[in-house]
């Protein structure tokens, strides 16, 4: 279900800029601007400015933003997903789209499969 929500969010939200990537990830994490702002200790209007690329203090907060959204700093800044390709890249994107409790399930499953 969470995977489907990210897919629908990605269809609706472009990820060409830092602000667009922040917004897409916030929506994929089912966070309102108010909830996201509270987790970061900033105002809702700061989130709105970041998501519309009217910077404000986005650069100073990128590390915290990446932690709350469960993504890498590199992805937020440039959209880069590293050297992963193909299935590895798809798995990483799906993992990042999951809620924290679902990530734990995925890790346990992967560890179990790796032992087989």
PDB file of N, CA and C in Angstrom:
ATOM      1  N   UNK A   1       0.820  -1.181   0.000  1.00  0.00           N
ATOM      2  CA  UNK A   1       0.000   0.000   0.000  1.00  0.00           C
ATOM      3  C   UNK A   1       0.872   1.256   0.000  1.00  0.00           C
ATOM      4  N   UNK A   2       1.909   1.284   0.829  1.00  0.00           N
ATOM      5  CA  UNK A   2       2.788   2.441   0.891  1.00  0.00           C
ATOM      6  C   UNK A   2       3.496   2.650  -0.431  1.00  0.00           C
ATOM      7  N   UNK A   3       3.887   1.536  -1.073  1.00  0.00           N
ATOM      8  CA  UNK A   3       4.546   1.599  -2.358  1.00  0.00           C
ATOM      9  C   UNK A   3       3.626   2.250  -3.381  1.00  0.00           C
ATOM     10  N   UNK A   4       2.359   1.915  -3.342  1.00  0.00           N
ATOM     11  CA  UNK A   4       1.411   2.497  -4.279  1.00  0.00           C
ATOM     12  C   UNK A   4       1.258   3.986  -4.045  1.00  0.00           C
ATOM     13  N   UNK A   5       1.297   4.410  -2.769  1.00  0.00           N
ATOM     14  CA  UNK A   5       1.146   5.838  -2.498  1.00  0.00           C
ATOM     15  C   UNK A   5       2.326   6.619  -3.050  1.00  0.00           C
ATOM     16  N   UNK A   6       3.556   6.065  -2.954  1.00  0.00           N
ATOM     17  CA  UNK A   6       4.707   6.754  -3.517  1.00  0.00           C
ATOM     18  C   UNK A   6       4.580   6.835  -5.024  1.00  0.00           C
ATOM     19  N   UNK A   7       4.139   5.742  -5.654  1.00  0.00           N
ATOM     20  CA  UNK A   7       3.979   5.755  -7.108  1.00  0.00           C
ATOM     21  C   UNK A   7       2.972   6.811  -7.529  1.00  0.00           C
ATOM     22  N   UNK A   8       1.865   6.926  -6.815  1.00  0.00           N
ATOM     23  CA  UNK A   8       0.878   7.933  -7.181  1.00  0.00           C
ATOM     24  C   UNK A   8       1.395   9.329  -6.902  1.00  0.00           C
ATOM     25  N   UNK A   9       2.164   9.499  -5.828  1.00  0.00           N
ATOM     26  CA  UNK A   9       2.752  10.806  -5.527  1.00  0.00           C
ATOM     27  C   UNK A   9       3.732  11.182  -6.623  1.00  0.00           C
ATOM     28  N   UNK A  10       4.573  10.247  -7.049  1.00  0.00           N
ATOM     29  CA  UNK A  10       5.563  10.555  -8.078  1.00  0.00           C
ATOM     30  C   UNK A  10       4.902  10.916  -9.396  1.00  0.00           C
ATOM     31  N   UNK A  11       3.736  10.331  -9.691  1.00  0.00           N
ATOM     32  CA  UNK A  11       3.025  10.677 -10.916  1.00  0.00           C
ATOM     33  C   UNK A  11       2.487  12.101 -10.839  1.00  0.00           C
ATOM     34  N   UNK A  12       2.159  12.556  -9.641  1.00  0.00           N
ATOM     35  CA  UNK A  12       1.556  13.866  -9.471  1.00  0.00           C
ATOM     36  C   UNK A  12       2.577  14.967  -9.233  1.00  0.00           C
ATOM     37  N   UNK A  13       3.749  14.632  -8.671  1.00  0.00           N
ATOM     38  CA  UNK A  13       4.717  15.633  -8.248  1.00  0.00           C
ATOM     39  C   UNK A  13       6.024  15.435  -8.994  1.00  0.00           C
ATOM     40  N   UNK A  14       6.479  16.481  -9.671  1.00  0.00           N
ATOM     41  CA  UNK A  14       7.772  16.440 -10.332  1.00  0.00           C
ATOM     42  C   UNK A  14       8.866  16.461  -9.270  1.00  0.00           C
ATOM     43  N   UNK A  15      10.026  15.879  -9.582  1.00  0.00           N
ATOM     44  CA  UNK A  15      11.141  15.878  -8.640  1.00  0.00           C
ATOM     45  C   UNK A  15      12.386  16.495  -9.271  1.00  0.00           C
ATOM     46  N   UNK A  16      12.183  17.543 -10.056  1.00  0.00           N
ATOM     47  CA  UNK A  16      13.291  18.180 -10.753  1.00  0.00           C
ATOM     48  C   UNK A  16      14.109  19.127  -9.887  1.00  0.00           C
ATOM     49  N   UNK A  17      13.558  19.599  -8.793  1.00  0.00           N
ATOM     50  CA  UNK A  17      14.271  20.554  -7.942  1.00  0.00           C
ATOM     51  C   UNK A  17      14.312  20.049  -6.508  1.00  0.00           C
ATOM     52  N   UNK A  18      15.126  20.673  -5.689  1.00  0.00           N
ATOM     53  CA  UNK A  18      15.223  20.310  -4.272  1.00  0.00           C
ATOM     54  C   UNK A  18      13.843  20.407  -3.626  1.00  0.00           C
ATOM     55  N   UNK A  19      13.158  21.501  -3.858  1.00  0.00           N
ATOM     56  CA  UNK A  19      11.839  21.695  -3.264  1.00  0.00           C
ATOM     57  C   UNK A  19      10.847  20.637  -3.698  1.00  0.00           C
ATOM     58  N   UNK A  20      10.879  20.273  -4.965  1.00  0.00           N
ATOM     59  CA  UNK A  20       9.967  19.249  -5.471  1.00  0.00           C
ATOM     60  C   UNK A  20      10.287  17.880  -4.878  1.00  0.00           C
ATOM     61  N   UNK A  21      11.588  17.590  -4.688  1.00  0.00           N
ATOM     62  CA  UNK A  21      11.959  16.315  -4.063  1.00  0.00           C
ATOM     63  C   UNK A  21      11.518  16.291  -2.598  1.00  0.00           C
ATOM     64  N   UNK A  22      11.675  17.410  -1.891  1.00  0.00           N
ATOM     65  CA  UNK A  22      11.226  17.485  -0.498  1.00  0.00           C
ATOM     66  C   UNK A  22       9.722  17.233  -0.435  1.00  0.00           C
ATOM     67  N   UNK A  23       8.982  17.895  -1.296  1.00  0.00           N
ATOM     68  CA  UNK A  23       7.519  17.745  -1.289  1.00  0.00           C
ATOM     69  C   UNK A  23       7.102  16.306  -1.609  1.00  0.00           C
ATOM     70  N   UNK A  24       7.711  15.721  -2.643  1.00  0.00           N
ATOM     71  CA  UNK A  24       7.358  14.354  -3.031  1.00  0.00           C
ATOM     72  C   UNK A  24       7.641  13.374  -1.890  1.00  0.00           C
ATOM     73  N   UNK A  25       8.774  13.540  -1.232  1.00  0.00           N
ATOM     74  CA  UNK A  25       9.116  12.648  -0.123  1.00  0.00           C
ATOM     75  C   UNK A  25       8.219  12.883   1.088  1.00  0.00           C
ATOM     76  N   UNK A  26       7.883  14.138   1.352  1.00  0.00           N
ATOM     77  CA  UNK A  26       6.971  14.429   2.471  1.00  0.00           C
ATOM     78  C   UNK A  26       5.619  13.764   2.228  1.00  0.00           C
ATOM     79  N   UNK A  27       5.106  13.902   1.015  1.00  0.00           N
ATOM     80  CA  UNK A  27       3.826  13.283   0.685  1.00  0.00           C
ATOM     81  C   UNK A  27       3.912  11.760   0.735  1.00  0.00           C
ATOM     82  N   UNK A  28       5.024  11.205   0.257  1.00  0.00           N
ATOM     83  CA  UNK A  28       5.196   9.751   0.299  1.00  0.00           C
ATOM     84  C   UNK A  28       5.252   9.233   1.733  1.00  0.00           C
ATOM     85  N   UNK A  29       5.698  10.083   2.653  1.00  0.00           N
ATOM     86  CA  UNK A  29       5.745   9.725   4.071  1.00  0.00           C
ATOM     87  C   UNK A  29       4.439  10.075   4.785  1.00  0.00           C
ATOM     88  N   UNK A  30       3.436  10.482   4.018  1.00  0.00           N
ATOM     89  CA  UNK A  30       2.119  10.835   4.569  1.00  0.00           C
ATOM     90  C   UNK A  30       2.205  11.890   5.662  1.00  0.00           C
ATOM     91  N   UNK A  31       3.034  12.897   5.438  1.00  0.00           N
ATOM     92  CA  UNK A  31       3.175  13.989   6.396  1.00  0.00           C
ATOM     93  C   UNK A  31       2.536  15.254   5.839  1.00  0.00           C
ATOM     94  N   UNK A  32       1.806  15.956   6.682  1.00  0.00           N
ATOM     95  CA  UNK A  32       1.328  17.285   6.302  1.00  0.00           C
ATOM     96  C   UNK A  32       2.489  18.251   6.468  1.00  0.00           C
ATOM     97  N   UNK A  33       2.342  19.440   5.918  1.00  0.00           N
ATOM     98  CA  UNK A  33       3.380  20.443   6.132  1.00  0.00           C
ATOM     99  C   UNK A  33       3.517  20.758   7.613  1.00  0.00           C
ATOM    100  N   UNK A  34       2.409  20.804   8.340  1.00  0.00           N
ATOM    101  CA  UNK A  34       2.456  21.079   9.783  1.00  0.00           C
ATOM    102  C   UNK A  34       3.214  19.991  10.533  1.00  0.00           C
ATOM    103  N   UNK A  35       2.930  18.723  10.223  1.00  0.00           N
ATOM    104  CA  UNK A  35       3.599  17.607  10.895  1.00  0.00           C
ATOM    105  C   UNK A  35       5.095  17.606  10.589  1.00  0.00           C
ATOM    106  N   UNK A  36       5.428  17.828   9.337  1.00  0.00           N
ATOM    107  CA  UNK A  36       6.828  17.860   8.911  1.00  0.00           C
ATOM    108  C   UNK A  36       7.556  19.015   9.602  1.00  0.00           C
ATOM    109  N   UNK A  37       6.917  20.171   9.640  1.00  0.00           N
ATOM    110  CA  UNK A  37       7.507  21.341  10.301  1.00  0.00           C
ATOM    111  C   UNK A  37       7.768  21.058  11.774  1.00  0.00           C
ATOM    112  N   UNK A  38       6.823  20.404  12.437  1.00  0.00           N
ATOM    113  CA  UNK A  38       6.980  20.091  13.860  1.00  0.00           C
ATOM    114  C   UNK A  38       8.158  19.154  14.080  1.00  0.00           C
ATOM    115  N   UNK A  39       8.337  18.182  13.209  1.00  0.00           N
ATOM    116  CA  UNK A  39       9.460  17.242  13.346  1.00  0.00           C
ATOM    117  C   UNK A  39      10.803  17.934  13.150  1.00  0.00           C
ATOM    118  N   UNK A  40      10.814  18.977  12.334  1.00  0.00           N
ATOM    119  CA  UNK A  40      12.055  19.700  12.053  1.00  0.00           C
ATOM    120  C   UNK A  40      12.272  20.904  12.973  1.00  0.00           C
ATOM    121  N   UNK A  41      11.212  21.293  13.675  1.00  0.00           N
ATOM    122  CA  UNK A  41      11.323  22.467  14.536  1.00  0.00           C
ATOM    123  C   UNK A  41      11.348  23.778  13.769  1.00  0.00           C
ATOM    124  N   UNK A  42      10.609  23.813  12.663  1.00  0.00           N
ATOM    125  CA  UNK A  42      10.498  25.034  11.854  1.00  0.00           C
ATOM    126  C   UNK A  42       9.015  25.343  11.648  1.00  0.00           C
ATOM    127  N   UNK A  43       8.728  26.459  11.012  1.00  0.00           N
ATOM    128  CA  UNK A  43       7.333  26.834  10.766  1.00  0.00           C
ATOM    129  C   UNK A  43       6.797  26.144   9.510  1.00  0.00           C
ATOM    130  N   UNK A  44       5.471  26.050   9.433  1.00  0.00           N
ATOM    131  CA  UNK A  44       4.836  25.491   8.242  1.00  0.00           C
ATOM    132  C   UNK A  44       5.157  26.351   7.026  1.00  0.00           C
ATOM    133  N   UNK A  45       5.244  27.661   7.230  1.00  0.00           N
ATOM    134  CA  UNK A  45       5.546  28.543   6.096  1.00  0.00           C
ATOM    135  C   UNK A  45       6.961  28.299   5.559  1.00  0.00           C
ATOM    136  N   UNK A  46       7.889  27.884   6.430  1.00  0.00           N
ATOM    137  CA  UNK A  46       9.238  27.537   5.959  1.00  0.00           C
ATOM    138  C   UNK A  46       9.162  26.334   5.025  1.00  0.00           C
ATOM    139  N   UNK A  47       8.371  25.341   5.403  1.00  0.00           N
ATOM    140  CA  UNK A  47       8.200  24.150   4.558  1.00  0.00           C
ATOM    141  C   UNK A  47       7.609  24.554   3.206  1.00  0.00           C
ATOM    142  N   UNK A  48       6.581  25.386   3.240  1.00  0.00           N
ATOM    143  CA  UNK A  48       5.946  25.845   2.000  1.00  0.00           C
ATOM    144  C   UNK A  48       6.959  26.572   1.112  1.00  0.00           C
ATOM    145  N   UNK A  49       7.804  27.391   1.707  1.00  0.00           N
ATOM    146  CA  UNK A  49       8.826  28.104   0.925  1.00  0.00           C
ATOM    147  C   UNK A  49       9.828  27.138   0.323  1.00  0.00           C
ATOM    148  N   UNK A  50      10.268  26.155   1.109  1.00  0.00           N
ATOM    149  CA  UNK A  50      11.233  25.175   0.593  1.00  0.00           C
ATOM    150  C   UNK A  50      10.636  24.400  -0.569  1.00  0.00           C
ATOM    151  N   UNK A  51       9.397  23.975  -0.413  1.00  0.00           N
ATOM    152  CA  UNK A  51       8.773  23.132  -1.434  1.00  0.00           C
ATOM    153  C   UNK A  51       8.487  23.884  -2.730  1.00  0.00           C
ATOM    154  N   UNK A  52       8.433  25.189  -2.660  1.00  0.00           N
ATOM    155  CA  UNK A  52       8.220  25.990  -3.868  1.00  0.00           C
ATOM    156  C   UNK A  52       9.513  26.667  -4.314  1.00  0.00           C
ATOM    157  N   UNK A  53      10.630  26.160  -3.773  1.00  0.00           N
ATOM    158  CA  UNK A  53      11.970  26.640  -4.139  1.00  0.00           C
ATOM    159  C   UNK A  53      12.191  28.123  -3.886  1.00  0.00           C
ATOM    160  N   UNK A  54      11.536  28.624  -2.845  1.00  0.00           N
ATOM    161  CA  UNK A  54      11.803  29.990  -2.393  1.00  0.00           C
ATOM    162  C   UNK A  54      12.689  29.879  -1.154  1.00  0.00           C
ATOM    163  N   UNK A  55      13.769  29.207  -1.323  1.00  0.00           N
ATOM    164  CA  UNK A  55      14.782  28.750  -0.378  1.00  0.00           C
ATOM    165  C   UNK A  55      14.609  29.047   1.100  1.00  0.00           C
ATOM    166  N   UNK A  56      14.723  30.286   1.533  1.00  0.00           N
ATOM    167  CA  UNK A  56      14.759  30.505   2.970  1.00  0.00           C
ATOM    168  C   UNK A  56      16.023  29.874   3.518  1.00  0.00           C
ATOM    169  N   UNK A  57      15.905  29.057   4.551  1.00  0.00           N
ATOM    170  CA  UNK A  57      17.073  28.418   5.166  1.00  0.00           C
ATOM    171  C   UNK A  57      17.122  26.927   4.866  1.00  0.00           C
ATOM    172  N   UNK A  58      16.748  26.546   3.667  1.00  0.00           N
ATOM    173  CA  UNK A  58      16.711  25.127   3.323  1.00  0.00           C
ATOM    174  C   UNK A  58      18.099  24.502   3.411  1.00  0.00           C
ATOM    175  N   UNK A  59      19.130  25.196   2.968  1.00  0.00           N
ATOM    176  CA  UNK A  59      20.482  24.622   2.969  1.00  0.00           C
ATOM    177  C   UNK A  59      20.939  24.255   4.379  1.00  0.00           C
ATOM    178  N   UNK A  60      20.618  25.102   5.341  1.00  0.00           N
ATOM    179  CA  UNK A  60      21.024  24.855   6.719  1.00  0.00           C
ATOM    180  C   UNK A  60      20.287  23.658   7.327  1.00  0.00           C
ATOM    181  N   UNK A  61      19.184  23.267   6.734  1.00  0.00           N
ATOM    182  CA  UNK A  61      18.344  22.204   7.294  1.00  0.00           C
ATOM    183  C   UNK A  61      18.344  20.916   6.486  1.00  0.00           C
ATOM    184  N   UNK A  62      19.106  20.851   5.406  1.00  0.00           N
ATOM    185  CA  UNK A  62      19.049  19.690   4.514  1.00  0.00           C
ATOM    186  C   UNK A  62      19.388  18.375   5.212  1.00  0.00           C
ATOM    187  N   UNK A  63      20.355  18.380   6.109  1.00  0.00           N
ATOM    188  CA  UNK A  63      20.721  17.138   6.790  1.00  0.00           C
ATOM    189  C   UNK A  63      19.558  16.631   7.645  1.00  0.00           C
ATOM    190  N   UNK A  64      18.940  17.526   8.392  1.00  0.00           N
ATOM    191  CA  UNK A  64      17.787  17.127   9.218  1.00  0.00           C
ATOM    192  C   UNK A  64      16.619  16.691   8.345  1.00  0.00           C
ATOM    193  N   UNK A  65      16.390  17.407   7.245  1.00  0.00           N
ATOM    194  CA  UNK A  65      15.310  17.054   6.321  1.00  0.00           C
ATOM    195  C   UNK A  65      15.522  15.643   5.787  1.00  0.00           C
ATOM    196  N   UNK A  66      16.760  15.329   5.377  1.00  0.00           N
ATOM    197  CA  UNK A  66      17.038  14.001   4.818  1.00  0.00           C
ATOM    198  C   UNK A  66      16.793  12.911   5.853  1.00  0.00           C
ATOM    199  N   UNK A  67      17.131  13.164   7.112  1.00  0.00           N
ATOM    200  CA  UNK A  67      16.910  12.162   8.161  1.00  0.00           C
ATOM    201  C   UNK A  67      15.417  11.941   8.399  1.00  0.00           C
ATOM    202  N   UNK A  68      14.658  13.018   8.499  1.00  0.00           N
ATOM    203  CA  UNK A  68      13.218  12.891   8.741  1.00  0.00           C
ATOM    204  C   UNK A  68      12.527  12.187   7.581  1.00  0.00           C
ATOM    205  N   UNK A  69      12.967  12.469   6.364  1.00  0.00           N
ATOM    206  CA  UNK A  69      12.329  11.882   5.182  1.00  0.00           C
ATOM    207  C   UNK A  69      12.924  10.534   4.786  1.00  0.00           C
ATOM    208  N   UNK A  70      13.985  10.115   5.478  1.00  0.00           N
ATOM    209  CA  UNK A  70      14.575   8.809   5.200  1.00  0.00           C
ATOM    210  C   UNK A  70      15.231   8.711   3.847  1.00  0.00           C
ATOM    211  N   UNK A  71      15.975   9.743   3.478  1.00  0.00           N
ATOM    212  CA  UNK A  71      16.655   9.729   2.188  1.00  0.00           C
ATOM    213  C   UNK A  71      18.069  10.246   2.377  1.00  0.00           C
ATOM    214  N   UNK A  72      18.845  10.220   1.324  1.00  0.00           N
ATOM    215  CA  UNK A  72      20.217  10.708   1.422  1.00  0.00           C
ATOM    216  C   UNK A  72      20.274  12.205   1.126  1.00  0.00           C
ATOM    217  N   UNK A  73      21.300  12.817   1.652  1.00  0.00           N
ATOM    218  CA  UNK A  73      21.548  14.229   1.375  1.00  0.00           C
ATOM    219  C   UNK A  73      21.805  14.428  -0.117  1.00  0.00           C
ATOM    220  N   UNK A  74      22.524  13.490  -0.712  1.00  0.00           N
ATOM    221  CA  UNK A  74      22.830  13.573  -2.148  1.00  0.00           C
ATOM    222  C   UNK A  74      21.557  13.579  -2.982  1.00  0.00           C
ATOM    223  N   UNK A  75      20.585  12.752  -2.596  1.00  0.00           N
ATOM    224  CA  UNK A  75      19.337  12.728  -3.362  1.00  0.00           C
ATOM    225  C   UNK A  75      18.606  14.058  -3.230  1.00  0.00           C
ATOM    226  N   UNK A  76      18.541  14.597  -2.028  1.00  0.00           N
ATOM    227  CA  UNK A  76      17.844  15.878  -1.858  1.00  0.00           C
ATOM    228  C   UNK A  76      18.495  16.977  -2.680  1.00  0.00           C
ATOM    229  N   UNK A  77      19.816  17.049  -2.632  1.00  0.00           N
ATOM    230  CA  UNK A  77      20.538  18.145  -3.286  1.00  0.00           C
ATOM    231  C   UNK A  77      20.531  18.017  -4.804  1.00  0.00           C
ATOM    232  N   UNK A  78      20.784  16.802  -5.312  1.00  0.00           N
ATOM    233  CA  UNK A  78      20.975  16.669  -6.754  1.00  0.00           C
ATOM    234  C   UNK A  78      20.050  15.667  -7.439  1.00  0.00           C
ATOM    235  N   UNK A  79      19.310  14.911  -6.655  1.00  0.00           N
ATOM    236  CA  UNK A  79      18.468  13.880  -7.244  1.00  0.00           C
ATOM    237  C   UNK A  79      19.231  12.608  -7.537  1.00  0.00           C
ATOM    238  N   UNK A  80      20.546  12.598  -7.222  1.00  0.00           N
ATOM    239  CA  UNK A  80      21.376  11.427  -7.476  1.00  0.00           C
ATOM    240  C   UNK A  80      21.060  10.323  -6.484  1.00  0.00           C
ATOM    241  N   UNK A  81      21.055   9.119  -6.983  1.00  0.00           N
ATOM    242  CA  UNK A  81      20.813   7.965  -6.124  1.00  0.00           C
ATOM    243  C   UNK A  81      22.078   7.140  -5.948  1.00  0.00           C
ATOM    244  N   UNK A  82      23.225   7.712  -6.300  1.00  0.00           N
ATOM    245  CA  UNK A  82      24.485   6.995  -6.136  1.00  0.00           C
ATOM    246  C   UNK A  82      24.781   6.123  -7.332  1.00  0.00           C
ATOM    247  N   UNK A  83      25.569   5.095  -7.095  1.00  0.00           N
ATOM    248  CA  UNK A  83      25.992   4.226  -8.194  1.00  0.00           C
ATOM    249  C   UNK A  83      25.067   3.033  -8.377  1.00  0.00           C
ATOM    250  N   UNK A  84      23.954   3.023  -7.685  1.00  0.00           N
ATOM    251  CA  UNK A  84      23.014   1.909  -7.823  1.00  0.00           C
ATOM    252  C   UNK A  84      22.342   1.967  -9.189  1.00  0.00           C
ATOM    253  N   UNK A  85      22.092   0.772  -9.743  1.00  0.00           N
ATOM    254  CA  UNK A  85      21.420   0.688 -11.030  1.00  0.00           C
ATOM    255  C   UNK A  85      20.449  -0.478 -11.026  1.00  0.00           C
ATOM    256  N   UNK A  86      19.534  -0.461 -11.938  1.00  0.00           N
ATOM    257  CA  UNK A  86      18.621  -1.578 -12.139  1.00  0.00           C
ATOM    258  C   UNK A  86      17.823  -1.936 -10.902  1.00  0.00           C
ATOM    259  N   UNK A  87      17.849  -3.231 -10.571  1.00  0.00           N
ATOM    260  CA  UNK A  87      17.081  -3.741  -9.440  1.00  0.00           C
ATOM    261  C   UNK A  87      17.535  -3.132  -8.115  1.00  0.00           C
ATOM    262  N   UNK A  88      18.851  -2.908  -7.960  1.00  0.00           N
ATOM    263  CA  UNK A  88      19.338  -2.315  -6.715  1.00  0.00           C
ATOM    264  C   UNK A  88      18.751  -0.918  -6.518  1.00  0.00           C
ATOM    265  N   UNK A  89      18.715  -0.141  -7.571  1.00  0.00           N
ATOM    266  CA  UNK A  89      18.151   1.201  -7.501  1.00  0.00           C
ATOM    267  C   UNK A  89      16.657   1.130  -7.189  1.00  0.00           C
ATOM    268  N   UNK A  90      15.952   0.220  -7.850  1.00  0.00           N
ATOM    269  CA  UNK A  90      14.515   0.062  -7.605  1.00  0.00           C
ATOM    270  C   UNK A  90      14.255  -0.323  -6.159  1.00  0.00           C
ATOM    271  N   UNK A  91      15.054  -1.246  -5.625  1.00  0.00           N
ATOM    272  CA  UNK A  91      14.895  -1.649  -4.224  1.00  0.00           C
ATOM    273  C   UNK A  91      15.145  -0.480  -3.271  1.00  0.00           C
ATOM    274  N   UNK A  92      16.170   0.314  -3.546  1.00  0.00           N
ATOM    275  CA  UNK A  92      16.477   1.455  -2.683  1.00  0.00           C
ATOM    276  C   UNK A  92      15.348   2.476  -2.713  1.00  0.00           C
ATOM    277  N   UNK A  93      14.813   2.740  -3.872  1.00  0.00           N
ATOM    278  CA  UNK A  93      13.698   3.688  -3.971  1.00  0.00           C
ATOM    279  C   UNK A  93      12.468   3.190  -3.218  1.00  0.00           C
ATOM    280  N   UNK A  94      12.186   1.904  -3.358  1.00  0.00           N
ATOM    281  CA  UNK A  94      11.045   1.329  -2.648  1.00  0.00           C
ATOM    282  C   UNK A  94      11.268   1.369  -1.139  1.00  0.00           C
ATOM    283  N   UNK A  95      12.478   1.046  -0.708  1.00  0.00           N
ATOM    284  CA  UNK A  95      12.810   1.093   0.716  1.00  0.00           C
ATOM    285  C   UNK A  95      12.598   2.509   1.264  1.00  0.00           C
ATOM    286  N   UNK A  96      13.085   3.500   0.548  1.00  0.00           N
ATOM    287  CA  UNK A  96      12.951   4.890   0.999  1.00  0.00           C
ATOM    288  C   UNK A  96      11.498   5.340   1.059  1.00  0.00           C
ATOM    289  N   UNK A  97      10.661   4.712   0.263  1.00  0.00           N
ATOM    290  CA  UNK A  97       9.246   5.079   0.232  1.00  0.00           C
ATOM    291  C   UNK A  97       8.461   4.479   1.393  1.00  0.00           C
ATOM    292  N   UNK A  98       9.065   3.529   2.091  1.00  0.00           N
ATOM    293  CA  UNK A  98       8.356   2.830   3.163  1.00  0.00           C
ATOM    294  C   UNK A  98       8.379   3.601   4.481  1.00  0.00           C
ATOM    295  N   UNK A  99       7.359   3.340   5.273  1.00  0.00           N
ATOM    296  CA  UNK A  99       7.309   3.863   6.638  1.00  0.00           C
ATOM    297  C   UNK A  99       8.395   3.161   7.448  1.00  0.00           C
ATOM    298  N   UNK A 100       8.879   3.780   8.534  1.00  0.00           N
ATOM    299  CA  UNK A 100       9.954   3.179   9.336  1.00  0.00           C
ATOM    300  C   UNK A 100       9.666   1.743   9.787  1.00  0.00           C
ATOM    301  N   UNK A 101       8.440   1.465  10.218  1.00  0.00           N
ATOM    302  CA  UNK A 101       8.136   0.098  10.656  1.00  0.00           C
ATOM    303  C   UNK A 101       8.185  -0.887   9.492  1.00  0.00           C
ATOM    304  N   UNK A 102       7.801  -0.439   8.297  1.00  0.00           N
ATOM    305  CA  UNK A 102       7.871  -1.296   7.116  1.00  0.00           C
ATOM    306  C   UNK A 102       9.318  -1.524   6.685  1.00  0.00           C
ATOM    307  N   UNK A 103      10.173  -0.529   6.905  1.00  0.00           N
ATOM    308  CA  UNK A 103      11.593  -0.700   6.596  1.00  0.00           C
ATOM    309  C   UNK A 103      12.187  -1.822   7.438  1.00  0.00           C
ATOM    310  N   UNK A 104      11.790  -1.891   8.690  1.00  0.00           N
ATOM    311  CA  UNK A 104      12.294  -2.950   9.566  1.00  0.00           C
ATOM    312  C   UNK A 104      11.847  -4.322   9.059  1.00  0.00           C
ATOM    313  N   UNK A 105      10.623  -4.415   8.602  1.00  0.00           N
ATOM    314  CA  UNK A 105      10.122  -5.677   8.037  1.00  0.00           C
ATOM    315  C   UNK A 105      10.944  -6.064   6.808  1.00  0.00           C
ATOM    316  N   UNK A 106      11.209  -5.076   5.957  1.00  0.00           N
ATOM    317  CA  UNK A 106      12.004  -5.353   4.760  1.00  0.00           C
ATOM    318  C   UNK A 106      13.408  -5.825   5.117  1.00  0.00           C
ATOM    319  N   UNK A 107      14.034  -5.188   6.094  1.00  0.00           N
ATOM    320  CA  UNK A 107      15.382  -5.591   6.500  1.00  0.00           C
ATOM    321  C   UNK A 107      15.403  -7.002   7.065  1.00  0.00           C
ATOM    322  N   UNK A 108      14.432  -7.330   7.916  1.00  0.00           N
ATOM    323  CA  UNK A 108      14.363  -8.695   8.470  1.00  0.00           C
ATOM    324  C   UNK A 108      14.163  -9.719   7.351  1.00  0.00           C
ATOM    325  N   UNK A 109      13.282  -9.400   6.413  1.00  0.00           N
ATOM    326  CA  UNK A 109      13.031 -10.303   5.293  1.00  0.00           C
ATOM    327  C   UNK A 109      14.283 -10.488   4.433  1.00  0.00           C
ATOM    328  N   UNK A 110      14.961  -9.394   4.135  1.00  0.00           N
ATOM    329  CA  UNK A 110      16.177  -9.476   3.320  1.00  0.00           C
ATOM    330  C   UNK A 110      17.260 -10.299   4.018  1.00  0.00           C
ATOM    331  N   UNK A 111      17.411 -10.111   5.323  1.00  0.00           N
ATOM    332  CA  UNK A 111      18.402 -10.889   6.073  1.00  0.00           C
ATOM    333  C   UNK A 111      18.056 -12.372   6.054  1.00  0.00           C
ATOM    334  N   UNK A 112      16.779 -12.688   6.208  1.00  0.00           N
ATOM    335  CA  UNK A 112      16.339 -14.076   6.185  1.00  0.00           C
ATOM    336  C   UNK A 112      16.607 -14.681   4.799  1.00  0.00           C
ATOM    337  N   UNK A 113      16.290 -13.942   3.740  1.00  0.00           N
ATOM    338  CA  UNK A 113      16.511 -14.448   2.385  1.00  0.00           C
ATOM    339  C   UNK A 113      17.994 -14.605   2.079  1.00  0.00           C
ATOM    340  N   UNK A 114      18.814 -13.733   2.597  1.00  0.00           N
ATOM    341  CA  UNK A 114      20.260 -13.793   2.341  1.00  0.00           C
ATOM    342  C   UNK A 114      20.883 -15.025   2.989  1.00  0.00           C
ATOM    343  N   UNK A 115      20.299 -15.517   4.063  1.00  0.00           N
ATOM    344  CA  UNK A 115      20.807 -16.722   4.725  1.00  0.00           C
ATOM    345  C   UNK A 115      20.413 -17.984   3.991  1.00  0.00           C
ATOM    346  N   UNK A 116      19.391 -17.903   3.167  1.00  0.00           N
ATOM    347  CA  UNK A 116      18.878 -19.110   2.484  1.00  0.00           C
ATOM    348  C   UNK A 116      19.813 -19.594   1.408  1.00  0.00           C
TER     349      UNK A 116
END
